[in-house]
All heavy atoms as atom14 arrays in JSON, in Angstrom:
{
  "sequence": "LRHIERCRLLLHVVDISCFEGRDPVEDVKNINAELEKYSPELA",
  "atom14_mask": [
    [1, 1, 1, 1, 1, 1, 1, 1, 0, 0, 0, 0, 0, 0],
    [1, 1, 1, 1, 1, 1, 1, 1, 1, 1, 1, 0, 0, 0],
    [1, 1, 1, 1, 1, 1, 1, 1, 1, 1, 0, 0, 0, 0],
    [1, 1, 1, 1, 1, 1, 1, 1, 0, 0, 0, 0, 0, 0],
    [1, 1, 1, 1, 1, 1, 1, 1, 1, 0, 0, 0, 0, 0],
    [1, 1, 1, 1, 1, 1, 1, 1, 1, 1, 1, 0, 0, 0],
    [1, 1, 1, 1, 1, 1, 0, 0, 0, 0, 0, 0, 0, 0],
    [1, 1, 1, 1, 1, 1, 1, 1, 1, 1, 1, 0, 0, 0],
    [1, 1, 1, 1, 1, 1, 1, 1, 0, 0, 0, 0, 0, 0],
    [1, 1, 1, 1, 1, 1, 1, 1, 0, 0, 0, 0, 0, 0],
    [1, 1, 1, 1, 1, 1, 1, 1, 0, 0, 0, 0, 0, 0],
    [1, 1, 1, 1, 1, 1, 1, 1, 1, 1, 0, 0, 0, 0],
    [1, 1, 1, 1, 1, 1, 1, 0, 0, 0, 0, 0, 0, 0],
    [1, 1, 1, 1, 1, 1, 1, 0, 0, 0, 0, 0, 0, 0],
    [1, 1, 1, 1, 1, 1, 1, 1, 0, 0, 0, 0, 0, 0],
    [1, 1, 1, 1, 1, 1, 1, 1, 0, 0, 0, 0, 0, 0],
    [1, 1, 1, 1, 1, 1, 0, 0, 0, 0, 0, 0, 0, 0],
    [1, 1, 1, 1, 1, 1, 0, 0, 0, 0, 0, 0, 0, 0],
    [1, 1, 1, 1, 1, 1, 1, 1, 1, 1, 1, 0, 0, 0],
    [1, 1, 1, 1, 1, 1, 1, 1, 1, 0, 0, 0, 0, 0],
    [1, 1, 1, 1, 0, 0, 0, 0, 0, 0, 0, 0, 0, 0],
    [1, 1, 1, 1, 1, 1, 1, 1, 1, 1, 1, 0, 0, 0],
    [1, 1, 1, 1, 1, 1, 1, 1, 0, 0, 0, 0, 0, 0],
    [1, 1, 1, 1, 1, 1, 1, 0, 0, 0, 0, 0, 0, 0],
    [1, 1, 1, 1, 1, 1, 1, 0, 0, 0, 0, 0, 0, 0],
    [1, 1, 1, 1, 1, 1, 1, 1, 1, 0, 0, 0, 0, 0],
    [1, 1, 1, 1, 1, 1, 1, 1, 0, 0, 0, 0, 0, 0],
    [1, 1, 1, 1, 1, 1, 1, 0, 0, 0, 0, 0, 0, 0],
    [1, 1, 1, 1, 1, 1, 1, 1, 1, 0, 0, 0, 0, 0],
    [1, 1, 1, 1, 1, 1, 1, 1, 0, 0, 0, 0, 0, 0],
    [1, 1, 1, 1, 1, 1, 1, 1, 0, 0, 0, 0, 0, 0],
    [1, 1, 1, 1, 1, 1, 1, 1, 0, 0, 0, 0, 0, 0],
    [1, 1, 1, 1, 1, 0, 0, 0, 0, 0, 0, 0, 0, 0],
    [1, 1, 1, 1, 1, 1, 1, 1, 1, 0, 0, 0, 0, 0],
    [1, 1, 1, 1, 1, 1, 1, 1, 0, 0, 0, 0, 0, 0],
    [1, 1, 1, 1, 1, 1, 1, 1, 1, 0, 0, 0, 0, 0],
    [1, 1, 1, 1, 1, 1, 1, 1, 1, 0, 0, 0, 0, 0],
    [1, 1, 1, 1, 1, 1, 1, 1, 1, 1, 1, 1, 0, 0],
    [1, 1, 1, 1, 1, 1, 0, 0, 0, 0, 0, 0, 0, 0],
    [1, 1, 1, 1, 1, 1, 1, 0, 0, 0, 0, 0, 0, 0],
    [1, 1, 1, 1, 1, 1, 1, 1, 1, 0, 0, 0, 0, 0],
    [1, 1, 1, 1, 1, 1, 1, 1, 0, 0, 0, 0, 0, 0],
    [1, 1, 1, 1, 1, 0, 0, 0, 0, 0, 0, 0, 0, 0]
  ],
  "atom14_positions": [
    [[49.8, 103.76, 84.26], [49.82, 103.71, 85.73], [51.15, 103.17, 86.24], [51.62, 103.56, 87.31], [48.67, 102.85, 86.24], [47.31, 103.56, 86.33], [46.18, 102.55, 86.55], [47.31, 104.59, 87.44], [0.0, 0.0, 0.0], [0.0, 0.0, 0.0], [0.0, 0.0, 0.0], [0.0, 0.0, 0.0], [0.0, 0.0, 0.0], [0.0, 0.0, 0.0]],
    [[51.77, 102.27, 85.47], [53.05, 101.71, 85.93], [54.13, 102.77, 86.06], [55.08, 102.61, 86.82], [53.54, 100.6, 84.99], [53.94, 101.06, 83.6], [54.68, 99.96, 82.84], [53.84, 98.81, 82.64], [53.09, 98.63, 81.56], [53.08, 99.54, 80.61], [52.35, 97.56, 81.42], [0.0, 0.0, 0.0], [0.0, 0.0, 0.0], [0.0, 0.0, 0.0]],
    [[53.99, 103.87, 85.34], [55.06, 104.87, 85.33], [55.05, 105.78, 86.56], [55.96, 106.6, 86.72], [54.99, 105.7, 84.05], [55.29, 104.88, 82.83], [56.51, 104.27, 82.63], [54.52, 104.52, 81.79], [56.48, 103.59, 81.5], [55.27, 103.72, 80.98], [0.0, 0.0, 0.0], [0.0, 0.0, 0.0], [0.0, 0.0, 0.0], [0.0, 0.0, 0.0]],
    [[54.03, 105.67, 87.4], [54.07, 106.46, 88.64], [54.39, 105.58, 89.84], [54.42, 106.04, 90.97], [52.75, 107.22, 88.88], [51.56, 106.28, 88.88], [52.58, 108.32, 87.85], [50.25, 106.99, 89.18], [0.0, 0.0, 0.0], [0.0, 0.0, 0.0], [0.0, 0.0, 0.0], [0.0, 0.0, 0.0], [0.0, 0.0, 0.0], [0.0, 0.0, 0.0]],
    [[54.67, 104.27, 89.59], [54.93, 103.37, 90.71], [56.22, 103.7, 91.45], [56.36, 103.4, 92.63], [54.96, 101.92, 90.21], [53.59, 101.41, 89.82], [53.58, 99.91, 89.63], [53.97, 99.2, 90.56], [53.18, 99.47, 88.55], [0.0, 0.0, 0.0], [0.0, 0.0, 0.0], [0.0, 0.0, 0.0], [0.0, 0.0, 0.0], [0.0, 0.0, 0.0]],
    [[57.19, 104.3, 90.75], [58.45, 104.64, 91.41], [58.41, 106.04, 92.04], [59.29, 106.38, 92.82], [59.59, 104.61, 90.4], [59.97, 103.24, 89.87], [61.25, 103.4, 89.07], [61.52, 102.3, 88.19], [62.33, 101.29, 88.47], [62.91, 101.24, 89.64], [62.56, 100.34, 87.58], [0.0, 0.0, 0.0], [0.0, 0.0, 0.0], [0.0, 0.0, 0.0]],
    [[57.44, 106.87, 91.65], [57.41, 108.26, 92.11], [57.28, 108.33, 93.63], [56.48, 107.63, 94.24], [56.26, 109.01, 91.46], [56.43, 109.2, 89.66], [0.0, 0.0, 0.0], [0.0, 0.0, 0.0], [0.0, 0.0, 0.0], [0.0, 0.0, 0.0], [0.0, 0.0, 0.0], [0.0, 0.0, 0.0], [0.0, 0.0, 0.0], [0.0, 0.0, 0.0]],
    [[58.05, 109.23, 94.22], [58.01, 109.39, 95.67], [56.91, 110.32, 96.11], [56.44, 110.25, 97.25], [59.36, 109.92, 96.15], [60.53, 108.99, 95.83], [61.77, 109.45, 96.55], [62.37, 110.62, 95.92], [63.11, 111.52, 96.57], [63.3, 111.4, 97.87], [63.63, 112.54, 95.93], [0.0, 0.0, 0.0], [0.0, 0.0, 0.0], [0.0, 0.0, 0.0]],
    [[56.49, 111.2, 95.23], [55.5, 112.21, 95.55], [54.61, 112.43, 94.33], [55.1, 112.46, 93.2], [56.19, 113.53, 95.93], [55.32, 114.74, 96.23], [54.49, 114.49, 97.5], [56.18, 115.99, 96.39], [0.0, 0.0, 0.0], [0.0, 0.0, 0.0], [0.0, 0.0, 0.0], [0.0, 0.0, 0.0], [0.0, 0.0, 0.0], [0.0, 0.0, 0.0]],
    [[53.31, 112.53, 94.56], [52.36, 112.77, 93.47], [51.82, 114.19, 93.56], [51.4, 114.64, 94.63], [51.19, 111.77, 93.54], [51.57, 110.28, 93.49], [50.31, 109.42, 93.59], [52.34, 109.96, 92.22], [0.0, 0.0, 0.0], [0.0, 0.0, 0.0], [0.0, 0.0, 0.0], [0.0, 0.0, 0.0], [0.0, 0.0, 0.0], [0.0, 0.0, 0.0]],
    [[51.87, 114.89, 92.43], [51.21, 116.19, 92.32], [49.88, 115.96, 91.62], [49.85, 115.63, 90.43], [52.07, 117.18, 91.52], [53.43, 117.55, 92.12], [54.1, 118.63, 91.29], [53.3, 117.99, 93.57], [0.0, 0.0, 0.0], [0.0, 0.0, 0.0], [0.0, 0.0, 0.0], [0.0, 0.0, 0.0], [0.0, 0.0, 0.0], [0.0, 0.0, 0.0]],
    [[48.82, 116.07, 92.39], [47.47, 115.79, 91.87], [46.9, 117.09, 91.32], [46.48, 117.97, 92.07], [46.59, 115.23, 92.99], [45.4, 114.51, 92.48], [44.89, 113.38, 93.09], [44.6, 114.74, 91.4], [43.84, 112.96, 92.41], [43.64, 113.77, 91.4], [0.0, 0.0, 0.0], [0.0, 0.0, 0.0], [0.0, 0.0, 0.0], [0.0, 0.0, 0.0]],
    [[46.9, 117.21, 90.01], [46.51, 118.46, 89.35], [45.01, 118.47, 89.07], [44.46, 117.5, 88.52], [47.3, 118.65, 88.05], [47.0, 120.03, 87.44], [48.8, 118.5, 88.29], [0.0, 0.0, 0.0], [0.0, 0.0, 0.0], [0.0, 0.0, 0.0], [0.0, 0.0, 0.0], [0.0, 0.0, 0.0], [0.0, 0.0, 0.0], [0.0, 0.0, 0.0]],
    [[44.35, 119.56, 89.46], [42.93, 119.74, 89.16], [42.73, 121.1, 88.5], [43.54, 122.02, 88.68], [42.05, 119.66, 90.43], [42.14, 118.29, 91.07], [42.44, 120.74, 91.42], [0.0, 0.0, 0.0], [0.0, 0.0, 0.0], [0.0, 0.0, 0.0], [0.0, 0.0, 0.0], [0.0, 0.0, 0.0], [0.0, 0.0, 0.0], [0.0, 0.0, 0.0]],
    [[41.66, 121.21, 87.73], [41.3, 122.48, 87.1], [40.37, 123.22, 88.05], [39.16, 122.99, 88.09], [40.61, 122.2, 85.76], [40.15, 123.47, 85.06], [40.38, 124.57, 85.61], [39.55, 123.36, 83.97], [0.0, 0.0, 0.0], [0.0, 0.0, 0.0], [0.0, 0.0, 0.0], [0.0, 0.0, 0.0], [0.0, 0.0, 0.0], [0.0, 0.0, 0.0]],
    [[40.95, 124.13, 88.83], [40.17, 124.83, 89.85], [39.21, 125.84, 89.24], [38.24, 126.28, 89.87], [41.1, 125.51, 90.88], [40.33, 125.9, 92.15], [41.78, 126.72, 90.25], [39.74, 124.73, 92.9], [0.0, 0.0, 0.0], [0.0, 0.0, 0.0], [0.0, 0.0, 0.0], [0.0, 0.0, 0.0], [0.0, 0.0, 0.0], [0.0, 0.0, 0.0]],
    [[39.43, 126.2, 87.97], [38.52, 127.15, 87.32], [37.2, 126.5, 86.93], [36.22, 127.2, 86.67], [39.18, 127.75, 86.07], [39.23, 126.78, 85.01], [0.0, 0.0, 0.0], [0.0, 0.0, 0.0], [0.0, 0.0, 0.0], [0.0, 0.0, 0.0], [0.0, 0.0, 0.0], [0.0, 0.0, 0.0], [0.0, 0.0, 0.0], [0.0, 0.0, 0.0]],
    [[37.2, 125.15, 86.88], [36.0, 124.4, 86.49], [35.49, 124.87, 85.13], [34.27, 124.87, 84.87], [34.89, 124.53, 87.53], [35.38, 123.96, 89.18], [0.0, 0.0, 0.0], [0.0, 0.0, 0.0], [0.0, 0.0, 0.0], [0.0, 0.0, 0.0], [0.0, 0.0, 0.0], [0.0, 0.0, 0.0], [0.0, 0.0, 0.0], [0.0, 0.0, 0.0]],
    [[36.41, 125.25, 84.26], [36.05, 125.8, 82.95], [35.22, 124.81, 82.13], [34.31, 125.2, 81.4], [37.32, 126.19, 82.19], [37.05, 126.74, 80.81], [36.56, 128.03, 80.66], [37.29, 125.97, 79.67], [36.31, 128.55, 79.38], [37.04, 126.49, 78.42], [36.55, 127.78, 78.26], [0.0, 0.0, 0.0], [0.0, 0.0, 0.0], [0.0, 0.0, 0.0]],
    [[35.53, 123.51, 82.26], [34.8, 122.5, 81.5], [33.64, 121.89, 82.29], [33.1, 120.85, 81.93], [35.75, 121.39, 81.04], [36.82, 121.88, 80.07], [37.66, 120.74, 79.52], [37.49, 119.6, 80.01], [38.46, 120.98, 78.61], [0.0, 0.0, 0.0], [0.0, 0.0, 0.0], [0.0, 0.0, 0.0], [0.0, 0.0, 0.0], [0.0, 0.0, 0.0]],
    [[33.31, 122.54, 83.4], [32.18, 122.06, 84.19], [32.51, 120.89, 85.1], [31.61, 120.23, 85.63], [0.0, 0.0, 0.0], [0.0, 0.0, 0.0], [0.0, 0.0, 0.0], [0.0, 0.0, 0.0], [0.0, 0.0, 0.0], [0.0, 0.0, 0.0], [0.0, 0.0, 0.0], [0.0, 0.0, 0.0], [0.0, 0.0, 0.0], [0.0, 0.0, 0.0]],
    [[33.8, 120.63, 85.32], [34.21, 119.52, 86.16], [34.11, 119.92, 87.63], [34.26, 121.1, 87.98], [35.63, 119.06, 85.84], [35.88, 118.71, 84.38], [37.13, 117.87, 84.25], [36.94, 116.6, 84.94], [36.42, 115.51, 84.35], [36.02, 115.58, 83.11], [36.28, 114.4, 85.03], [0.0, 0.0, 0.0], [0.0, 0.0, 0.0], [0.0, 0.0, 0.0]],
    [[33.91, 118.94, 88.48], [33.89, 119.15, 89.93], [35.23, 118.67, 90.48], [35.52, 117.46, 90.46], [32.74, 118.36, 90.57], [32.68, 118.55, 92.08], [33.62, 119.13, 92.65], [31.71, 118.07, 92.69], [0.0, 0.0, 0.0], [0.0, 0.0, 0.0], [0.0, 0.0, 0.0], [0.0, 0.0, 0.0], [0.0, 0.0, 0.0], [0.0, 0.0, 0.0]],
    [[36.1, 119.56, 90.97], [37.44, 119.14, 91.42], [37.39, 118.12, 92.56], [38.28, 117.27, 92.66], [38.11, 120.44, 91.85], [37.01, 121.43, 92.01], [35.92, 121.02, 91.08], [0.0, 0.0, 0.0], [0.0, 0.0, 0.0], [0.0, 0.0, 0.0], [0.0, 0.0, 0.0], [0.0, 0.0, 0.0], [0.0, 0.0, 0.0], [0.0, 0.0, 0.0]],
    [[36.38, 118.2, 93.42], [36.25, 117.22, 94.51], [36.04, 115.82, 93.94], [36.71, 114.85, 94.33], [35.1, 117.59, 95.47], [34.86, 116.46, 96.47], [35.41, 118.88, 96.19], [0.0, 0.0, 0.0], [0.0, 0.0, 0.0], [0.0, 0.0, 0.0], [0.0, 0.0, 0.0], [0.0, 0.0, 0.0], [0.0, 0.0, 0.0], [0.0, 0.0, 0.0]],
    [[35.11, 115.71, 93.0], [34.84, 114.41, 92.39], [36.04, 113.92, 91.58], [36.33, 112.72, 91.55], [33.6, 114.49, 91.51], [32.31, 114.65, 92.27], [32.09, 113.51, 93.27], [32.27, 112.34, 92.88], [31.78, 113.8, 94.45], [0.0, 0.0, 0.0], [0.0, 0.0, 0.0], [0.0, 0.0, 0.0], [0.0, 0.0, 0.0], [0.0, 0.0, 0.0]],
    [[36.72, 114.84, 90.92], [37.9, 114.45, 90.14], [38.96, 113.81, 91.03], [39.53, 112.75, 90.71], [38.5, 115.66, 89.43], [37.71, 116.06, 88.19], [36.69, 115.39, 87.91], [38.11, 117.02, 87.51], [0.0, 0.0, 0.0], [0.0, 0.0, 0.0], [0.0, 0.0, 0.0], [0.0, 0.0, 0.0], [0.0, 0.0, 0.0], [0.0, 0.0, 0.0]],
    [[39.24, 114.43, 92.17], [40.25, 113.89, 93.09], [39.81, 112.54, 93.63], [40.61, 111.59, 93.7], [40.53, 114.88, 94.24], [41.43, 114.23, 95.29], [41.18, 116.15, 93.71], [0.0, 0.0, 0.0], [0.0, 0.0, 0.0], [0.0, 0.0, 0.0], [0.0, 0.0, 0.0], [0.0, 0.0, 0.0], [0.0, 0.0, 0.0], [0.0, 0.0, 0.0]],
    [[38.55, 112.43, 94.0], [38.04, 111.15, 94.51], [38.16, 110.05, 93.48], [38.6, 108.92, 93.78], [36.57, 111.3, 94.93], [36.33, 112.07, 96.21], [34.84, 112.12, 96.53], [34.56, 112.86, 97.84], [33.09, 112.93, 98.11], [0.0, 0.0, 0.0], [0.0, 0.0, 0.0], [0.0, 0.0, 0.0], [0.0, 0.0, 0.0], [0.0, 0.0, 0.0]],
    [[37.78, 110.35, 92.24], [37.78, 109.33, 91.19], [39.19, 108.88, 90.83], [39.45, 107.68, 90.67], [37.07, 109.86, 89.94], [35.58, 110.05, 90.16], [35.0, 109.45, 91.07], [34.95, 110.88, 89.34], [0.0, 0.0, 0.0], [0.0, 0.0, 0.0], [0.0, 0.0, 0.0], [0.0, 0.0, 0.0], [0.0, 0.0, 0.0], [0.0, 0.0, 0.0]],
    [[40.12, 109.83, 90.71], [41.5, 109.46, 90.36], [42.11, 108.62, 91.48], [42.78, 107.6, 91.23], [42.34, 110.71, 90.1], [41.88, 111.42, 88.83], [43.82, 110.34, 89.98], [42.02, 110.6, 87.57], [0.0, 0.0, 0.0], [0.0, 0.0, 0.0], [0.0, 0.0, 0.0], [0.0, 0.0, 0.0], [0.0, 0.0, 0.0], [0.0, 0.0, 0.0]],
    [[41.87, 108.99, 92.73], [42.42, 108.21, 93.84], [41.79, 106.83, 93.93], [42.44, 105.86, 94.35], [42.24, 108.96, 95.16], [43.3, 110.05, 95.34], [44.39, 109.93, 94.81], [42.98, 111.09, 96.08], [0.0, 0.0, 0.0], [0.0, 0.0, 0.0], [0.0, 0.0, 0.0], [0.0, 0.0, 0.0], [0.0, 0.0, 0.0], [0.0, 0.0, 0.0]],
    [[40.53, 106.73, 93.53], [39.88, 105.42, 93.49], [40.55, 104.52, 92.46], [40.74, 103.31, 92.69], [38.39, 105.57, 93.19], [0.0, 0.0, 0.0], [0.0, 0.0, 0.0], [0.0, 0.0, 0.0], [0.0, 0.0, 0.0], [0.0, 0.0, 0.0], [0.0, 0.0, 0.0], [0.0, 0.0, 0.0], [0.0, 0.0, 0.0], [0.0, 0.0, 0.0]],
    [[40.95, 105.09, 91.32], [41.65, 104.31, 90.29], [43.03, 103.87, 90.8], [43.46, 102.74, 90.55], [41.8, 105.13, 89.01], [40.5, 105.43, 88.3], [39.74, 104.18, 87.9], [40.39, 103.18, 87.54], [38.49, 104.2, 87.97], [0.0, 0.0, 0.0], [0.0, 0.0, 0.0], [0.0, 0.0, 0.0], [0.0, 0.0, 0.0], [0.0, 0.0, 0.0]],
    [[43.71, 104.75, 91.51], [45.0, 104.38, 92.07], [44.84, 103.25, 93.08], [45.66, 102.32, 93.11], [45.65, 105.59, 92.77], [46.06, 106.78, 91.89], [46.7, 107.86, 92.75], [47.02, 106.34, 90.79], [0.0, 0.0, 0.0], [0.0, 0.0, 0.0], [0.0, 0.0, 0.0], [0.0, 0.0, 0.0], [0.0, 0.0, 0.0], [0.0, 0.0, 0.0]],
    [[43.82, 103.31, 93.91], [43.57, 102.27, 94.92], [43.31, 100.93, 94.27], [43.8, 99.88, 94.71], [42.38, 102.68, 95.79], [42.01, 101.67, 96.86], [43.02, 101.59, 97.98], [43.61, 102.63, 98.33], [43.23, 100.48, 98.51], [0.0, 0.0, 0.0], [0.0, 0.0, 0.0], [0.0, 0.0, 0.0], [0.0, 0.0, 0.0], [0.0, 0.0, 0.0]],
    [[42.55, 100.92, 93.17], [42.25, 99.67, 92.46], [43.52, 99.08, 91.85], [43.73, 97.87, 91.86], [41.22, 99.91, 91.36], [39.83, 100.25, 91.85], [38.92, 100.56, 90.66], [37.57, 101.09, 91.11], [36.74, 101.52, 89.95], [0.0, 0.0, 0.0], [0.0, 0.0, 0.0], [0.0, 0.0, 0.0], [0.0, 0.0, 0.0], [0.0, 0.0, 0.0]],
    [[44.35, 99.94, 91.31], [45.56, 99.47, 90.64], [46.61, 99.0, 91.64], [47.22, 97.95, 91.49], [46.14, 100.58, 89.76], [47.4, 100.2, 89.03], [47.36, 99.38, 87.92], [48.64, 100.67, 89.46], [48.52, 99.03, 87.24], [49.81, 100.33, 88.8], [49.74, 99.5, 87.69], [50.88, 99.15, 87.03], [0.0, 0.0, 0.0], [0.0, 0.0, 0.0]],
    [[46.79, 99.8, 92.71], [47.81, 99.47, 93.71], [47.52, 100.23, 95.0], [47.72, 101.45, 95.06], [49.21, 99.85, 93.2], [50.16, 99.81, 94.24], [0.0, 0.0, 0.0], [0.0, 0.0, 0.0], [0.0, 0.0, 0.0], [0.0, 0.0, 0.0], [0.0, 0.0, 0.0], [0.0, 0.0, 0.0], [0.0, 0.0, 0.0], [0.0, 0.0, 0.0]],
    [[47.07, 99.53, 96.05], [46.83, 100.2, 97.33], [48.06, 100.93, 97.86], [47.95, 101.99, 98.47], [46.43, 99.04, 98.26], [45.85, 98.01, 97.33], [46.66, 98.12, 96.08], [0.0, 0.0, 0.0], [0.0, 0.0, 0.0], [0.0, 0.0, 0.0], [0.0, 0.0, 0.0], [0.0, 0.0, 0.0], [0.0, 0.0, 0.0], [0.0, 0.0, 0.0]],
    [[49.23, 100.37, 97.59], [50.46, 101.03, 98.03], [50.65, 102.36, 97.31], [51.04, 103.36, 97.91], [51.66, 100.12, 97.76], [52.98, 100.73, 98.19], [54.18, 99.86, 97.85], [53.97, 98.7, 97.43], [55.3, 100.35, 97.98], [0.0, 0.0, 0.0], [0.0, 0.0, 0.0], [0.0, 0.0, 0.0], [0.0, 0.0, 0.0], [0.0, 0.0, 0.0]],
    [[50.33, 102.37, 96.02], [50.45, 103.6, 95.25], [49.48, 104.66, 95.74], [49.79, 105.85, 95.78], [50.2, 103.3, 93.77], [50.43, 104.42, 92.77], [51.86, 104.92, 92.85], [50.1, 103.95, 91.36], [0.0, 0.0, 0.0], [0.0, 0.0, 0.0], [0.0, 0.0, 0.0], [0.0, 0.0, 0.0], [0.0, 0.0, 0.0], [0.0, 0.0, 0.0]],
    [[48.29, 104.24, 96.14], [47.28, 105.18, 96.62], [47.71, 105.86, 97.92], [47.21, 106.94, 98.26], [45.95, 104.46, 96.82], [0.0, 0.0, 0.0], [0.0, 0.0, 0.0], [0.0, 0.0, 0.0], [0.0, 0.0, 0.0], [0.0, 0.0, 0.0], [0.0, 0.0, 0.0], [0.0, 0.0, 0.0], [0.0, 0.0, 0.0], [0.0, 0.0, 0.0]]
  ]
}
């Protein structure tokens, strides 16, 4: 997580094909929740 602290822009990649049965909406929510916990500024 420390390695994205300097990044100016985040490309949030999701698997839109849902090939592995993932829900892209939930994936985006969960990853952003982790960013918020680690650093509100990063989120």
